[in-house]
Amino acid sequence: MNHLLSIKTNIFYSKEKNKNGEETYKRFHELIFLVDKPKYLLTNEGDIVRQRTIEELRFNVSDDAFDLMIKHLLKLKDIDKSELV
């Protein structure tokens, strides 16, 4: 089973020009999820050894998408088991 270890973010801006030629900046979040997951190795003797490894998952979201993600996570947190698909 994977376990969430940490969530970090980087903020960056994208410059956009509107129809009038004016420049605006749109903010984005790079979300970084650090996940602890199992890794299995086979030894020369034929034994299976379980180790732990950390994997990094990154994706970019706008402010609106970030708010929507938080809304969905809060809904899932309080969901009734009869609502699960």
Protein backbone atom coordinates (compact mmCIF):
# COMPACT_ATOMS: atom_id res chain seq x y z
CA MET A 1 0.00 0.00 0.00
CA ASN A 2 1.32 3.45 -0.88
CA HIS A 3 1.42 6.14 1.81
CA LEU A 4 1.37 9.89 1.28
CA LEU A 5 4.43 11.36 3.01
CA SER A 6 4.34 15.00 2.03
CA ILE A 7 2.71 17.58 -0.20
CA LYS A 8 4.71 20.55 -1.40
CA THR A 9 4.07 23.29 -3.92
CA ASN A 10 5.93 25.65 -6.18
CA ILE A 11 4.18 28.73 -7.53
CA PHE A 12 4.85 30.05 -11.00
CA TYR A 13 3.22 32.53 -13.35
CA SER A 14 2.30 32.40 -16.99
CA LYS A 15 2.30 35.63 -18.98
CA GLU A 16 -0.70 36.04 -21.28
CA LYS A 17 -1.63 38.79 -23.70
CA ASN A 18 -5.25 39.78 -24.09
CA LYS A 19 -6.87 41.14 -27.28
CA ASN A 20 -5.78 44.66 -26.41
CA GLY A 21 -2.14 43.59 -26.23
CA GLU A 22 -2.01 44.03 -22.46
CA GLU A 23 -0.01 41.48 -20.53
CA THR A 24 -1.49 39.71 -17.53
CA TYR A 25 -0.05 37.02 -15.31
CA LYS A 26 -1.91 33.85 -14.37
CA ARG A 27 -0.78 31.95 -11.27
CA PHE A 28 -0.24 28.18 -11.26
CA HIS A 29 0.72 25.73 -8.54
CA GLU A 30 3.04 22.84 -9.16
CA LEU A 31 1.82 20.25 -6.66
CA ILE A 32 4.41 17.74 -5.53
CA PHE A 33 3.22 14.59 -3.79
CA LEU A 34 5.88 12.44 -2.14
CA VAL A 35 4.64 8.86 -1.82
CA ASP A 36 6.20 6.01 0.13
CA LYS A 37 5.69 2.77 -1.78
CA PRO A 38 6.94 -0.80 -1.59
CA LYS A 39 9.70 -2.15 -3.80
CA TYR A 40 10.52 -5.84 -4.02
CA LEU A 41 13.93 -7.31 -4.82
CA LEU A 42 14.92 -10.89 -5.55
CA THR A 43 18.20 -11.99 -3.96
CA ASN A 44 20.66 -14.41 -5.52
CA GLU A 45 19.43 -17.01 -3.02
CA GLY A 46 15.86 -16.68 -4.35
CA ASP A 47 14.49 -14.73 -1.40
CA ILE A 48 12.12 -11.82 -1.94
CA VAL A 49 13.09 -8.72 0.03
CA ARG A 50 10.64 -5.88 0.54
CA GLN A 51 12.07 -2.37 0.66
CA ARG A 52 10.54 1.08 0.77
CA THR A 53 11.09 3.72 -1.88
CA ILE A 54 9.85 7.28 -2.32
CA GLU A 55 8.20 8.34 -5.54
CA GLU A 56 7.49 11.90 -6.60
CA LEU A 57 4.30 12.85 -8.45
CA ARG A 58 4.11 16.35 -9.91
CA PHE A 59 1.37 18.20 -11.74
CA ASN A 60 0.38 21.79 -12.42
CA VAL A 61 -2.97 23.35 -11.55
CA SER A 62 -4.41 26.83 -11.87
CA ASP A 63 -5.91 28.60 -8.86
CA ASP A 64 -9.42 27.58 -10.02
CA ALA A 65 -8.41 23.94 -10.48
CA PHE A 66 -6.72 23.97 -7.07
CA ASP A 67 -9.92 25.24 -5.43
CA LEU A 68 -11.96 22.60 -7.26
CA MET A 69 -9.55 19.85 -6.18
CA ILE A 70 -9.85 20.93 -2.53
CA LYS A 71 -13.65 20.97 -2.86
CA HIS A 72 -13.66 17.42 -4.25
CA LEU A 73 -11.27 16.17 -1.55
CA LEU A 74 -13.46 17.64 1.20
CA LYS A 75 -16.51 15.97 -0.36
CA LEU A 76 -14.68 12.62 -0.50
CA LYS A 77 -13.54 13.02 3.11
CA ASP A 78 -17.14 13.15 4.35
CA ILE A 79 -18.71 10.79 1.79
CA ASP A 80 -21.08 8.05 2.90
CA LYS A 81 -20.14 4.53 1.83
CA SER A 82 -23.47 4.21 -0.02
CA GLU A 83 -22.36 7.04 -2.34
CA LEU A 84 -19.19 5.24 -3.47
CA VAL A 85 -19.22 3.86 -6.98
